[in-house]
Each structure stands twice: as structure tokens, then as C-alpha cells.
Amino acid sequence: MPDQNRYLAEMGYTAYARSRSFDQPALLPPFDDLPEAEQRAWIRASAAIRRRVVKWNMPAEQEA
């Protein structure tokens, strides 16, 4: 499900960027402006998280 993983990666990156740039709105670029290698890294990370959520039957909104 590469499209779902990309969507989740973009969502995660956007949340990360917003949390990092609360005092500097333009601190991090939009996901589509990241280098291809960095986008792939975010996509792989989101895929790993999605697999864990599915494996553990964990609600997506559950926090650690």
C-alpha cells in the first residue's frame, strides 16, 4: 500500500514540521519539497508504524 504509506508519511511529517516550527512557520519545507531520499525515509517509517498498529490491533489514536 505505497499510497497509504505516503499519505501517512506526509501526515506525520506535517505534524512534525508544525511542532518544530511553532515559533518559525517556514522552518521546514513541505513534504513534496523534501529530497526524494528523505521522503522515502518518512514513507518507510510510516509503513513500519502502520504494520505495528495493525499487528497489535491498536487504535491509531492511541498514545504511548
N, C-alpha and C. Protein backbone atom coordinates (compact mmCIF):
# COMPACT_ATOMS: atom_id res chain seq x y z
N MET A 1 0.82 -1.19 0.00
CA MET A 1 0.00 0.00 0.00
C MET A 1 0.87 1.26 0.00
N PRO A 2 1.64 1.46 -1.01
CA PRO A 2 2.54 2.62 -1.03
C PRO A 2 1.80 3.95 -0.92
N ASP A 3 0.62 4.08 -1.53
CA ASP A 3 -0.11 5.34 -1.45
C ASP A 3 -0.54 5.65 -0.02
N GLN A 4 -1.00 4.62 0.69
CA GLN A 4 -1.40 4.82 2.08
C GLN A 4 -0.17 5.17 2.92
N ASN A 5 0.94 4.50 2.67
CA ASN A 5 2.16 4.81 3.41
C ASN A 5 2.62 6.23 3.13
N ARG A 6 2.53 6.66 1.88
CA ARG A 6 2.93 8.04 1.55
C ARG A 6 2.00 9.04 2.25
N TYR A 7 0.71 8.77 2.24
CA TYR A 7 -0.25 9.65 2.91
C TYR A 7 0.09 9.75 4.40
N LEU A 8 0.35 8.61 5.04
CA LEU A 8 0.69 8.61 6.46
C LEU A 8 2.02 9.30 6.71
N ALA A 9 2.98 9.11 5.79
CA ALA A 9 4.28 9.77 5.92
C ALA A 9 4.12 11.29 5.85
N GLU A 10 3.33 11.74 4.89
CA GLU A 10 3.11 13.18 4.74
C GLU A 10 2.38 13.75 5.96
N MET A 11 1.42 13.00 6.48
CA MET A 11 0.69 13.44 7.66
C MET A 11 1.63 13.52 8.87
N GLY A 12 2.46 12.51 9.04
CA GLY A 12 3.42 12.51 10.15
C GLY A 12 4.44 13.62 10.02
N TYR A 13 4.98 13.79 8.82
CA TYR A 13 5.97 14.84 8.61
C TYR A 13 5.35 16.22 8.85
N THR A 14 4.14 16.43 8.38
CA THR A 14 3.48 17.72 8.56
C THR A 14 3.27 18.02 10.04
N ALA A 15 2.86 17.02 10.80
CA ALA A 15 2.69 17.19 12.25
C ALA A 15 4.04 17.50 12.90
N TYR A 16 5.07 16.79 12.48
CA TYR A 16 6.42 17.03 13.00
C TYR A 16 6.88 18.45 12.66
N ALA A 17 6.68 18.86 11.40
CA ALA A 17 7.11 20.19 10.97
C ALA A 17 6.37 21.27 11.76
N ARG A 18 5.09 21.08 11.98
CA ARG A 18 4.32 22.08 12.75
C ARG A 18 4.80 22.15 14.19
N SER A 19 5.12 21.01 14.77
CA SER A 19 5.57 21.03 16.16
C SER A 19 6.96 21.65 16.29
N ARG A 20 7.76 21.53 15.25
CA ARG A 20 9.11 22.10 15.27
C ARG A 20 9.12 23.58 14.92
N SER A 21 8.11 24.06 14.22
CA SER A 21 8.16 25.41 13.71
C SER A 21 7.10 26.32 14.33
N PHE A 22 6.68 26.01 15.56
CA PHE A 22 5.63 26.82 16.17
C PHE A 22 6.04 28.29 16.29
N ASP A 23 7.32 28.57 16.42
CA ASP A 23 7.75 29.96 16.52
C ASP A 23 8.40 30.47 15.24
N GLN A 24 8.62 29.56 14.26
CA GLN A 24 9.21 29.92 12.97
C GLN A 24 8.46 29.17 11.88
N PRO A 25 7.34 29.72 11.39
CA PRO A 25 6.45 28.99 10.48
C PRO A 25 7.12 28.38 9.25
N ALA A 26 8.18 28.98 8.72
CA ALA A 26 8.79 28.46 7.49
C ALA A 26 10.05 27.64 7.78
N LEU A 27 10.17 27.10 8.97
CA LEU A 27 11.39 26.39 9.36
C LEU A 27 11.64 25.15 8.51
N LEU A 28 10.62 24.35 8.26
CA LEU A 28 10.77 23.12 7.49
C LEU A 28 9.94 23.20 6.21
N PRO A 29 10.47 22.64 5.11
CA PRO A 29 9.75 22.69 3.84
C PRO A 29 8.57 21.72 3.83
N PRO A 30 7.61 21.93 2.90
CA PRO A 30 6.53 20.96 2.73
C PRO A 30 7.09 19.59 2.31
N PHE A 31 6.34 18.55 2.58
CA PHE A 31 6.78 17.18 2.29
C PHE A 31 7.22 17.03 0.83
N ASP A 32 6.45 17.57 -0.10
CA ASP A 32 6.78 17.41 -1.52
C ASP A 32 8.08 18.11 -1.92
N ASP A 33 8.56 19.03 -1.10
CA ASP A 33 9.81 19.72 -1.38
C ASP A 33 11.02 19.03 -0.76
N LEU A 34 10.80 18.00 0.03
CA LEU A 34 11.92 17.26 0.61
C LEU A 34 12.65 16.49 -0.49
N PRO A 35 13.95 16.24 -0.30
CA PRO A 35 14.65 15.37 -1.25
C PRO A 35 13.99 13.99 -1.29
N GLU A 36 14.08 13.35 -2.44
CA GLU A 36 13.45 12.04 -2.64
C GLU A 36 13.86 11.03 -1.56
N ALA A 37 15.13 11.02 -1.20
CA ALA A 37 15.62 10.07 -0.18
C ALA A 37 14.96 10.33 1.17
N GLU A 38 14.76 11.58 1.51
CA GLU A 38 14.11 11.89 2.79
C GLU A 38 12.63 11.53 2.76
N GLN A 39 11.97 11.74 1.64
CA GLN A 39 10.57 11.32 1.50
C GLN A 39 10.47 9.80 1.67
N ARG A 40 11.37 9.06 1.02
CA ARG A 40 11.35 7.59 1.14
C ARG A 40 11.57 7.16 2.58
N ALA A 41 12.43 7.85 3.31
CA ALA A 41 12.68 7.51 4.71
C ALA A 41 11.41 7.71 5.54
N TRP A 42 10.70 8.81 5.32
CA TRP A 42 9.45 9.04 6.03
C TRP A 42 8.41 7.99 5.66
N ILE A 43 8.37 7.61 4.39
CA ILE A 43 7.42 6.58 3.94
C ILE A 43 7.74 5.24 4.59
N ARG A 44 9.03 4.86 4.65
CA ARG A 44 9.40 3.60 5.32
C ARG A 44 9.05 3.63 6.80
N ALA A 45 9.27 4.78 7.44
CA ALA A 45 8.94 4.89 8.86
C ALA A 45 7.44 4.76 9.08
N SER A 46 6.65 5.40 8.24
CA SER A 46 5.20 5.31 8.40
C SER A 46 4.71 3.89 8.14
N ALA A 47 5.33 3.19 7.19
CA ALA A 47 4.95 1.80 6.91
C ALA A 47 5.24 0.92 8.13
N ALA A 48 6.38 1.15 8.76
CA ALA A 48 6.73 0.36 9.95
C ALA A 48 5.74 0.61 11.09
N ILE A 49 5.36 1.85 11.28
CA ILE A 49 4.39 2.18 12.33
C ILE A 49 3.04 1.57 12.01
N ARG A 50 2.62 1.68 10.76
CA ARG A 50 1.32 1.10 10.35
C ARG A 50 1.31 -0.40 10.59
N ARG A 51 2.40 -1.08 10.26
CA ARG A 51 2.46 -2.54 10.49
C ARG A 51 2.31 -2.86 11.97
N ARG A 52 2.94 -2.08 12.84
CA ARG A 52 2.83 -2.32 14.29
C ARG A 52 1.40 -2.08 14.78
N VAL A 53 0.79 -1.01 14.30
CA VAL A 53 -0.58 -0.70 14.71
C VAL A 53 -1.51 -1.84 14.30
N VAL A 54 -1.35 -2.34 13.07
CA VAL A 54 -2.19 -3.43 12.59
C VAL A 54 -1.88 -4.71 13.36
N LYS A 55 -0.59 -5.02 13.55
CA LYS A 55 -0.21 -6.26 14.24
C LYS A 55 -0.75 -6.29 15.66
N TRP A 56 -0.68 -5.19 16.35
CA TRP A 56 -1.11 -5.12 17.75
C TRP A 56 -2.58 -4.75 17.87
N ASN A 57 -3.26 -4.58 16.73
CA ASN A 57 -4.67 -4.20 16.72
C ASN A 57 -4.90 -2.97 17.61
N MET A 58 -4.00 -2.01 17.47
CA MET A 58 -4.00 -0.81 18.28
C MET A 58 -4.78 0.29 17.57
N PRO A 59 -5.66 0.99 18.23
CA PRO A 59 -6.32 2.12 17.60
C PRO A 59 -5.29 3.15 17.18
N ALA A 60 -5.47 3.77 16.03
CA ALA A 60 -4.50 4.72 15.50
C ALA A 60 -4.29 5.91 16.43
N GLU A 61 -5.32 6.29 17.16
CA GLU A 61 -5.20 7.48 18.01
C GLU A 61 -4.61 7.18 19.39
N GLN A 62 -4.32 5.91 19.70
CA GLN A 62 -3.75 5.57 21.00
C GLN A 62 -2.37 6.16 21.12
N GLU A 63 -2.07 6.72 22.28
CA GLU A 63 -0.76 7.31 22.52
C GLU A 63 0.01 6.45 23.51
N ALA A 64 1.32 6.51 23.40
CA ALA A 64 2.19 5.74 24.31
C ALA A 64 2.23 6.37 25.67
